[in-house]
């Protein structure tokens, strides 16, 4: 969850990096992680659409091999609160 951990994980050759939603808005950490070139999973929980747009641009600039995970940081989660429709909104916002 910090640059030192990224360096260690890179040294032991992990197959990918996962960025938890609590660290998604740590842009120096995202940049350092993306620059390693390994596949990345980035959680979106607790982040605004504007932050996620910035995350997308930051990671994409350094590493095209990543996915943004739709995460809802509320537990337990009722089915009507899942809001999977946000995936279509993000696709439009991020890619177009």
Protein backbone atom coordinates (compact mmCIF):
# COMPACT_ATOMS: atom_id res chain seq x y z
CA UNK A 1 0.00 0.00 0.00
CA UNK A 2 2.98 2.28 -0.45
CA UNK A 3 5.89 2.75 -2.82
CA UNK A 4 8.17 0.56 -0.69
CA UNK A 5 5.68 -2.31 -0.88
CA UNK A 6 5.44 -1.87 -4.65
CA UNK A 7 9.22 -2.14 -4.94
CA UNK A 8 9.26 -5.28 -2.80
CA UNK A 9 6.41 -6.92 -4.71
CA UNK A 10 8.08 -6.05 -7.99
CA UNK A 11 11.34 -7.64 -6.80
CA UNK A 12 9.58 -10.91 -5.94
CA UNK A 13 7.90 -10.89 -9.34
CA UNK A 14 4.21 -10.82 -8.42
CA UNK A 15 1.98 -11.41 -11.46
CA UNK A 16 -0.12 -8.24 -10.95
CA UNK A 17 -0.82 -5.36 -8.57
CA UNK A 18 -4.16 -4.71 -6.84
CA UNK A 19 -4.85 -1.17 -5.61
CA UNK A 20 -7.42 -1.09 -2.84
CA UNK A 21 -10.13 1.56 -2.87
CA UNK A 22 -8.57 3.35 0.11
CA UNK A 23 -5.42 3.97 -1.95
CA UNK A 24 -7.04 4.71 -5.29
CA UNK A 25 -6.71 8.48 -4.85
CA UNK A 26 -3.00 8.28 -3.92
CA UNK A 27 -1.71 9.43 -7.30
CA UNK A 28 2.04 9.18 -6.59
CA UNK A 29 1.46 5.57 -5.52
CA UNK A 30 -0.66 4.86 -8.61
CA UNK A 31 2.03 6.31 -10.88
CA UNK A 32 4.81 4.30 -9.22
CA UNK A 33 2.73 1.13 -9.45
CA UNK A 34 1.73 1.72 -13.08
CA UNK A 35 5.33 2.38 -14.10
CA UNK A 36 6.25 -1.18 -13.11
CA UNK A 37 4.33 -2.35 -16.18
CA UNK A 38 2.60 -5.26 -14.48
CA UNK A 39 -1.15 -5.77 -14.92
CA UNK A 40 -3.15 -3.74 -12.41
CA UNK A 41 -6.56 -4.00 -10.76
CA UNK A 42 -7.78 -0.70 -9.32
CA UNK A 43 -10.77 -0.61 -6.96
CA UNK A 44 -13.22 2.26 -7.31
CA UNK A 45 -15.00 2.13 -3.95
CA UNK A 46 -15.31 5.42 -2.04
CA UNK A 47 -14.09 7.45 -5.03
CA UNK A 48 -15.92 10.08 -7.07
CA UNK A 49 -16.35 9.92 -10.83
CA UNK A 50 -13.91 12.81 -11.20
CA UNK A 51 -11.29 10.96 -9.16
CA UNK A 52 -11.83 7.82 -11.22
CA UNK A 53 -11.38 9.81 -14.45
CA UNK A 54 -8.06 11.05 -13.10
CA UNK A 55 -7.13 7.50 -12.00
CA UNK A 56 -7.89 6.23 -15.50
CA UNK A 57 -5.73 8.90 -17.14
CA UNK A 58 -2.86 8.51 -14.64
CA UNK A 59 -2.62 4.75 -14.96
CA UNK A 60 -3.24 4.67 -18.72
CA UNK A 61 -0.37 7.10 -19.31
CA UNK A 62 2.10 4.62 -17.79
CA UNK A 63 0.48 1.21 -18.22
CA UNK A 64 -2.24 0.13 -20.68
CA UNK A 65 -2.72 -3.22 -18.93
CA UNK A 66 -5.20 -2.44 -16.13
CA UNK A 67 -8.83 -2.83 -15.11
CA UNK A 68 -10.97 -0.69 -12.87
CA UNK A 69 -13.15 -2.70 -10.52
CA UNK A 70 -16.63 -1.47 -9.63
CA UNK A 71 -16.69 -1.60 -5.85
CA UNK A 72 -19.43 -0.50 -3.50
CA UNK A 73 -18.03 0.16 -0.05
CA UNK A 74 -21.19 -0.55 1.93
CA UNK A 75 -21.76 -3.79 3.78
CA UNK A 76 -24.08 -5.59 3.82
CA UNK A 77 -25.23 -4.36 0.44
CA UNK A 78 -28.84 -4.59 -0.65
CA UNK A 79 -29.37 -5.67 -4.29
CA UNK A 80 -31.06 -2.36 -5.17
CA UNK A 81 -27.95 -0.46 -4.01
CA UNK A 82 -25.41 -2.27 -6.21
CA UNK A 83 -25.70 0.32 -9.02
CA UNK A 84 -24.05 -1.68 -11.78
CA UNK A 85 -25.37 0.89 -14.28
CA UNK A 86 -22.43 3.06 -13.30
CA UNK A 87 -20.28 0.72 -15.43
CA UNK A 88 -21.92 2.04 -18.60
CA UNK A 89 -21.42 5.63 -17.44
CA UNK A 90 -17.76 4.97 -16.69
CA UNK A 91 -17.23 3.32 -20.05
CA UNK A 92 -18.59 6.38 -21.80
CA UNK A 93 -16.70 8.85 -19.57
CA UNK A 94 -13.35 7.07 -19.69
CA UNK A 95 -13.15 5.91 -23.27
CA UNK A 96 -14.88 8.66 -25.22
